[in-house]
């Protein structure tokens, strides 16, 4: 019987997986997602693209907060910077869309040093408040720099194109969002196998012991901020490319709180947990809408009038349920389910 824990060589310890079934199921999942545009309407594809983009951004926050242990409430600021950088580069300077997305990520990574360097000696609640303040600073900078960002009026964004081939439709853009998500998932999984990933885990578990082992805390904290901001900047650029319009109100503090909720619900420090958590939180309003539609028109009218209050309340309920019943999140449920069926019928 396969236990999944016995390794015979160092290469097996550092491999993404030594189980061919994992690769088979991963390829099957990607193959199924590739054919979604041929069977789904524009609304479903828009939701699917939103899930992919959100999951990409949450992966970055998961590296910072879930893996490196640096609690941040400023992830919305990096999304904001990435979105506006992409809009300005494409609209004002005519930079190629895909190059602009990556450049936007690098810009967000550089700006992250503004909050990363002063926060080197902070941890816990103090770090969270500092990153929260950075979000407000970024929003006000965008509002006051009207000559560059158009201020509160926002900016329109031209559609992505590659060699004259536009990705304006939902069907085409879904492949862009899915491609970026798959790419960054592979980057994340490989990053966790390196010295950087192991140093972040040591930093999270016990920073004093990590320092005693020779890990440069300053370097790896700043690197965690920069990598997380890069993911956020790329996700923000994709949001701008998807909605074709950016406004400072889109990236409020609630976005950072929702992102933190996603990694808690999905499972802190787990790559697949970040994806599952993002999918659950993004699709939760749709699940509520369908559930209320079944209950009748009166309940639908109530939801229409109190949609934001009900959504916020459900976010809180979901987080509390997971913290109380399954602290490891959806990743923990997945792990336990997989172990049960792997050992069936000897499971207990």
Protein backbone atom coordinates (compact mmCIF):
# COMPACT_ATOMS: atom_id res chain seq x y z
CA UNK A 1 0.00 0.00 0.00
CA UNK A 2 1.31 3.45 -0.92
CA UNK A 3 1.96 5.63 2.13
CA UNK A 4 3.28 8.72 0.35
CA UNK A 5 5.92 9.37 3.05
CA UNK A 6 8.83 6.99 2.38
CA UNK A 7 11.57 8.56 0.23
CA UNK A 8 14.71 6.84 -1.01
CA UNK A 9 16.74 9.77 -2.38
CA UNK A 10 17.20 13.52 -2.07
CA UNK A 11 15.69 14.04 -5.53
CA UNK A 12 12.46 12.45 -4.31
CA UNK A 13 12.39 14.85 -1.37
CA UNK A 14 12.68 17.89 -3.64
CA UNK A 15 10.45 16.66 -6.50
CA UNK A 16 7.10 18.34 -7.08
CA UNK A 17 5.58 14.89 -6.83
CA UNK A 18 6.73 11.32 -7.42
CA UNK A 19 3.20 10.06 -7.97
CA UNK A 20 2.23 9.76 -11.67
CA UNK A 21 -1.43 9.91 -10.68
CA UNK A 22 -0.95 13.52 -9.50
CA UNK A 23 0.38 14.56 -12.89
CA UNK A 24 -2.44 12.66 -14.59
CA UNK A 25 -5.15 14.37 -12.57
CA UNK A 26 -3.47 17.79 -12.97
CA UNK A 27 -3.35 17.41 -16.75
CA UNK A 28 -6.96 16.20 -16.76
CA UNK A 29 -8.05 19.25 -14.74
CA UNK A 30 -6.23 21.67 -17.04
CA UNK A 31 -7.67 19.87 -20.07
CA UNK A 32 -11.17 20.21 -18.65
CA UNK A 33 -10.65 23.92 -18.00
CA UNK A 34 -9.37 24.44 -21.55
CA UNK A 35 -12.68 23.26 -23.03
CA UNK A 36 -14.81 25.41 -20.67
CA UNK A 37 -15.07 28.37 -23.13
CA UNK A 38 -16.69 26.11 -25.70
CA UNK A 39 -19.57 25.14 -23.39
CA UNK A 40 -19.99 28.13 -21.03
CA UNK A 41 -21.59 31.52 -21.61
CA UNK A 42 -19.90 34.90 -21.15
CA UNK A 43 -21.13 35.33 -17.56
CA UNK A 44 -19.72 32.00 -16.40
CA UNK A 45 -16.45 32.70 -18.20
CA UNK A 46 -16.23 36.11 -16.51
CA UNK A 47 -16.62 34.42 -13.12
CA UNK A 48 -14.03 31.79 -14.05
CA UNK A 49 -11.56 34.50 -15.11
CA UNK A 50 -12.19 36.35 -11.85
CA UNK A 51 -11.47 33.17 -9.88
CA UNK A 52 -8.19 32.65 -11.77
CA UNK A 53 -7.04 36.25 -11.26
CA UNK A 54 -8.07 36.28 -7.61
CA UNK A 55 -6.31 32.98 -6.97
CA UNK A 56 -3.12 34.38 -8.52
CA UNK A 57 -3.18 37.39 -6.20
CA UNK A 58 -4.00 35.24 -3.17
CA UNK A 59 -1.03 33.01 -3.97
CA UNK A 60 1.21 36.01 -3.40
CA UNK A 61 -0.41 36.88 -0.08
CA UNK A 62 -0.16 33.24 0.94
CA UNK A 63 3.61 33.33 0.39
CA UNK A 64 3.91 36.42 2.58
CA UNK A 65 1.44 35.61 5.36
CA UNK A 66 0.93 31.84 5.15
CA UNK A 67 4.50 30.75 4.38
CA UNK A 68 6.71 33.57 5.70
CA UNK A 69 4.38 34.44 8.58
CA UNK A 70 4.25 38.21 7.87
CA UNK A 71 0.62 39.24 8.39
CA UNK A 72 -0.37 41.88 5.85
CA UNK A 73 -3.51 43.94 5.34
CA UNK A 74 -2.00 45.91 2.49
CA UNK A 75 -2.35 43.49 -0.42
CA UNK A 76 -4.99 45.71 -2.02
CA UNK A 77 -2.32 48.40 -2.43
CA UNK A 78 -0.20 46.13 -4.62
CA UNK A 79 -3.25 45.21 -6.70
CA UNK A 80 -3.95 48.94 -7.07
CA UNK A 81 -0.38 49.70 -8.12
CA UNK A 82 -0.34 46.86 -10.64
CA UNK A 83 -3.70 47.87 -12.14
CA UNK A 84 -2.77 51.53 -12.57
CA UNK A 85 0.72 50.72 -13.82
CA UNK A 86 -0.79 48.48 -16.51
CA UNK A 87 -3.39 51.09 -17.47
CA UNK A 88 -0.80 53.87 -17.74
CA UNK A 89 1.75 51.78 -19.64
CA UNK A 90 -0.80 50.58 -22.20
CA UNK A 91 -2.95 53.70 -22.55
CA UNK A 92 -0.33 56.45 -22.35
CA UNK A 93 2.82 54.72 -23.59
CA UNK A 94 1.50 51.98 -25.88
CA UNK A 95 3.45 49.18 -24.20
CA UNK A 96 2.54 45.66 -25.31
CA UNK A 97 -0.15 44.25 -23.02
CA UNK A 98 1.63 41.09 -21.89
CA UNK A 99 4.92 42.93 -21.31
CA UNK A 100 2.97 45.58 -19.40
CA UNK A 101 1.51 42.94 -17.08
CA UNK A 102 4.96 41.70 -16.08
CA UNK A 103 6.39 45.22 -15.79
CA UNK A 104 3.46 46.15 -13.54
CA UNK A 105 4.41 43.26 -11.28
CA UNK A 106 8.01 44.49 -11.06
CA UNK A 107 6.83 48.03 -10.30
CA UNK A 108 4.66 46.73 -7.44
CA UNK A 109 7.63 44.70 -6.17
CA UNK A 110 9.85 47.79 -6.07
CA UNK A 111 7.19 49.88 -4.34
CA UNK A 112 6.81 47.13 -1.72
CA UNK A 113 10.20 48.17 -0.35
CA UNK A 114 8.52 51.36 0.86
CA UNK A 115 6.51 49.34 3.37
CA UNK A 116 8.90 46.39 3.64
CA UNK A 117 11.99 48.24 4.88
CA UNK A 118 10.26 50.18 7.70
CA UNK A 119 8.46 46.99 8.76
CA UNK A 120 11.55 44.83 9.25
CA UNK A 121 11.38 45.07 13.05
CA UNK A 122 7.61 44.74 13.24
CA UNK A 123 5.51 41.62 13.58
CA UNK A 124 1.96 40.57 14.38
CA UNK A 125 -0.62 43.31 14.89
CA UNK A 126 1.91 46.14 14.44
CA UNK A 127 2.90 44.83 11.01
CA UNK A 128 -0.75 44.41 10.01
CA UNK A 129 -1.57 48.02 10.96
CA UNK A 130 1.49 49.30 9.09
CA UNK A 131 0.52 47.52 5.88
CA UNK A 132 -3.06 48.71 6.34
CA UNK A 133 -1.80 52.30 6.52
CA UNK A 134 0.16 51.71 3.30
CA UNK A 135 -3.11 50.91 1.52
CA UNK A 136 -4.57 54.28 2.48
CA UNK A 137 -1.36 56.03 1.39
CA UNK A 138 -1.43 54.32 -2.02
CA UNK A 139 -5.09 55.25 -2.54
CA UNK A 140 -4.47 58.91 -1.72
CA UNK A 141 -1.40 59.09 -3.96
CA UNK A 142 -3.50 57.82 -6.87
CA UNK A 143 -6.25 60.32 -6.13
CA UNK A 144 -3.90 63.32 -5.93
CA UNK A 145 -1.75 62.41 -8.95
CA UNK A 146 -4.50 63.42 -11.36
CA UNK A 147 -2.15 64.26 -14.22
CA UNK A 148 -1.00 60.64 -14.33
CA UNK A 149 -3.86 58.57 -12.91
CA UNK A 150 -6.90 60.76 -13.81
CA UNK A 151 -7.71 60.92 -10.10
CA UNK A 152 -11.15 59.80 -8.95
CA UNK A 153 -12.44 59.57 -12.54
CA UNK A 154 -10.42 56.41 -13.13
CA UNK A 155 -8.85 55.19 -16.36
CA UNK A 156 -10.06 53.13 -19.27
CA UNK A 157 -7.77 50.33 -20.46
CA UNK A 158 -7.30 49.15 -24.02
CA UNK A 159 -7.78 45.39 -24.56
CA UNK A 160 -4.85 42.99 -24.55
CA UNK A 161 -3.43 42.08 -27.93
CA UNK A 162 -0.63 39.93 -29.26
CA UNK A 163 0.58 40.49 -32.82
CA UNK A 164 -2.75 42.05 -33.73
CA UNK A 165 -4.80 39.30 -32.04
CA UNK A 166 -7.04 40.90 -29.42
CA UNK A 167 -8.17 39.19 -26.20
CA UNK A 168 -11.24 41.37 -25.74
CA UNK A 169 -13.88 38.63 -25.51
CA UNK A 170 -14.49 36.62 -22.35
CA UNK A 171 -13.62 33.39 -24.18
CA UNK A 172 -10.19 34.62 -25.22
CA UNK A 173 -9.38 36.38 -21.97
CA UNK A 174 -10.18 33.25 -19.94
CA UNK A 175 -7.23 31.51 -21.58
CA UNK A 176 -4.99 34.44 -20.60
CA UNK A 177 -6.13 34.31 -16.96
CA UNK A 178 -5.83 30.51 -16.84
CA UNK A 179 -2.38 30.58 -18.43
CA UNK A 180 -1.06 33.09 -15.90
CA UNK A 181 -2.53 31.10 -13.00
CA UNK A 182 -0.95 27.82 -14.15
CA UNK A 183 2.39 29.58 -14.69
CA UNK A 184 2.42 31.17 -11.23
CA UNK A 185 1.29 27.96 -9.54
CA UNK A 186 4.30 26.19 -11.06
CA UNK A 187 6.55 29.08 -9.98
CA UNK A 188 5.15 28.88 -6.44
CA UNK A 189 5.57 25.12 -6.15
CA UNK A 190 9.15 25.31 -7.38
CA UNK A 191 9.90 28.30 -5.15
CA UNK A 192 8.81 26.31 -2.10
CA UNK A 193 11.39 23.63 -2.94
CA UNK A 194 14.28 26.09 -2.88
CA UNK A 195 16.35 27.54 -0.06
CA UNK A 196 14.11 30.61 -0.18
CA UNK A 197 10.97 28.62 0.55
CA UNK A 198 12.62 26.72 3.40
CA UNK A 199 13.96 29.97 4.86
CA UNK A 200 10.46 31.49 4.81
CA UNK A 201 9.07 28.47 6.65
CA UNK A 202 11.81 28.79 9.28
CA UNK A 203 11.08 32.51 9.57
CA UNK A 204 7.41 31.76 10.17
CA UNK A 205 7.92 28.96 12.70
CA UNK A 206 10.61 30.65 14.83
CA UNK A 207 12.51 33.69 13.63
CA UNK A 208 15.05 33.63 16.51
CA UNK A 209 15.97 30.02 15.77
CA UNK A 210 16.15 30.86 12.06
CA UNK A 211 18.61 33.67 12.79
CA UNK A 212 20.70 31.31 14.93
CA UNK A 213 20.86 28.91 11.97
CA UNK A 214 22.37 31.63 9.80
CA UNK A 215 19.27 32.81 7.94
CA UNK A 216 19.39 36.50 7.08
CA UNK A 217 16.00 37.69 8.36
CA UNK A 218 16.25 41.11 6.70
CA UNK A 219 16.92 39.65 3.28
CA UNK A 220 14.18 37.03 3.39
CA UNK A 221 11.54 39.36 4.87
CA UNK A 222 12.14 41.89 2.12
CA UNK A 223 12.16 39.12 -0.47
CA UNK A 224 8.82 37.86 0.84
CA UNK A 225 7.33 41.36 0.52
CA UNK A 226 8.70 41.77 -2.99
CA UNK A 227 7.57 38.38 -4.29
CA UNK A 228 4.12 38.84 -2.77
CA UNK A 229 3.87 42.33 -4.29
CA UNK A 230 4.97 40.99 -7.68
CA UNK A 231 2.13 38.46 -7.62
CA UNK A 232 -0.26 41.21 -6.53
CA UNK A 233 0.93 43.58 -9.24
CA UNK A 234 0.43 40.96 -11.94
CA UNK A 235 -3.03 40.14 -10.57
CA UNK A 236 -3.91 43.85 -10.47
CA UNK A 237 -2.80 44.25 -14.08
CA UNK A 238 -4.97 41.30 -15.09
CA UNK A 239 -7.93 42.86 -13.24
CA UNK A 240 -7.42 46.06 -15.26
CA UNK A 241 -7.15 44.06 -18.48
CA UNK A 242 -10.30 42.11 -17.63
CA UNK A 243 -12.56 44.97 -16.55
CA UNK A 244 -11.00 47.43 -19.07
CA UNK A 245 -11.35 50.15 -16.44
CA UNK A 246 -9.58 50.96 -13.18
CA UNK A 247 -10.74 53.10 -10.30
CA UNK A 248 -9.29 53.57 -6.83
CA UNK A 249 -12.59 52.51 -5.23
CA UNK A 250 -12.18 49.00 -6.64
CA UNK A 251 -9.18 48.35 -4.39
CA UNK A 252 -10.42 49.23 -0.93
CA UNK A 253 -9.39 47.81 2.42
CA UNK A 254 -12.12 45.18 2.13
CA UNK A 255 -10.16 43.59 -0.72
CA UNK A 256 -7.20 42.96 1.61
CA UNK A 257 -9.50 41.49 4.27
CA UNK A 258 -11.17 39.23 1.71
CA UNK A 259 -7.76 38.05 0.47
CA UNK A 260 -6.74 37.21 4.04
CA UNK A 261 -10.03 35.38 4.50
CA UNK A 262 -9.31 33.32 1.38
CA UNK A 263 -6.00 31.98 2.67
CA UNK A 264 -7.55 31.24 6.08
CA UNK A 265 -10.46 29.35 4.52
CA UNK A 266 -8.21 27.61 2.01
CA UNK A 267 -5.46 26.72 4.47
CA UNK A 268 -2.52 28.89 5.51
CA UNK A 269 0.70 28.10 3.70
CA UNK A 270 -0.86 25.69 1.18
CA UNK A 271 -0.70 26.50 -2.53
CA UNK A 272 -3.79 24.50 -3.43
CA UNK A 273 -5.48 25.90 -0.35
CA UNK A 274 -5.05 29.46 -1.67
CA UNK A 275 -6.70 28.44 -4.95
CA UNK A 276 -9.57 26.62 -3.25
CA UNK A 277 -10.13 29.48 -0.80
CA UNK A 278 -10.20 32.04 -3.61
CA UNK A 279 -12.69 29.96 -5.58
CA UNK A 280 -14.96 29.52 -2.54
CA UNK A 281 -15.05 33.19 -1.52
CA UNK A 282 -15.46 34.48 -5.09
CA UNK A 283 -18.27 32.04 -5.87
CA UNK A 284 -19.98 32.36 -2.48
CA UNK A 285 -22.23 35.30 -3.59
CA UNK A 286 -23.34 33.28 -6.61
CA UNK A 287 -24.13 30.29 -4.41
CA UNK A 288 -26.15 32.57 -2.12
CA UNK A 289 -27.99 34.08 -5.09
CA UNK A 290 -29.02 30.65 -6.35
CA UNK A 291 -30.01 29.52 -2.85
CA UNK A 292 -32.14 32.64 -2.26
CA UNK A 293 -33.76 32.24 -5.69
CA UNK A 294 -35.03 28.85 -4.58
CA UNK A 295 -36.53 30.34 -1.40
CA UNK A 296 -38.77 32.77 -3.27
CA UNK A 297 -39.13 36.35 -4.50
CA UNK A 298 -39.37 37.90 -1.02
CA UNK A 299 -35.97 36.54 -0.04
CA UNK A 300 -34.55 37.66 -3.39
CA UNK A 301 -35.82 41.19 -2.79
CA UNK A 302 -34.23 41.19 0.67
CA UNK A 303 -30.90 40.13 -0.79
CA UNK A 304 -31.09 42.80 -3.48
CA UNK A 305 -31.53 45.49 -0.83
CA UNK A 306 -28.95 44.12 1.62
CA UNK A 307 -26.49 42.38 -0.68
CA UNK A 308 -23.29 43.87 0.82
CA UNK A 309 -24.42 43.31 4.42
CA UNK A 310 -25.43 39.71 3.71
CA UNK A 311 -22.22 38.99 1.83
CA UNK A 312 -20.08 40.39 4.66
CA UNK A 313 -22.04 38.39 7.20
CA UNK A 314 -21.59 35.16 5.21
CA UNK A 315 -17.85 35.79 4.92
CA UNK A 316 -17.70 36.04 8.70
CA UNK A 317 -19.79 32.90 9.18
CA UNK A 318 -17.63 30.89 6.78
CA UNK A 319 -14.39 32.02 8.45
CA UNK A 320 -15.72 31.25 11.94
CA UNK A 321 -16.91 27.80 10.85
CA UNK A 322 -13.55 26.92 9.36
CA UNK A 323 -11.59 28.24 12.34
CA UNK A 324 -13.79 26.26 14.72
CA UNK A 325 -14.37 23.04 12.77
CA UNK A 326 -11.45 22.80 10.32
CA UNK A 327 -8.50 25.10 11.15
CA UNK A 328 -6.49 23.65 8.25
CA UNK A 329 -9.13 24.92 5.82
CA UNK A 330 -10.13 23.36 2.53
CA UNK A 331 -6.59 22.03 2.09
CA UNK A 332 -7.04 20.05 5.32
CA UNK A 333 -10.36 18.66 4.13
CA UNK A 334 -8.75 17.68 0.83
CA UNK A 335 -5.82 15.99 2.62
CA UNK A 336 -8.08 14.01 4.94
CA UNK A 337 -10.37 12.96 2.08
CA UNK A 338 -7.42 11.83 -0.01
CA UNK A 339 -5.98 9.85 2.91
CA UNK A 340 -9.36 8.22 3.54
CA UNK A 341 -9.75 6.97 -0.05
CA UNK A 342 -6.08 6.02 -0.36
CA UNK A 343 -6.35 3.70 2.65
CA UNK A 344 -9.92 2.53 1.98
CA UNK A 345 -11.35 0.06 3.04
CA UNK A 346 -8.94 0.13 6.00
CA UNK A 347 -9.72 3.78 6.79
CA UNK A 348 -10.96 4.68 10.24
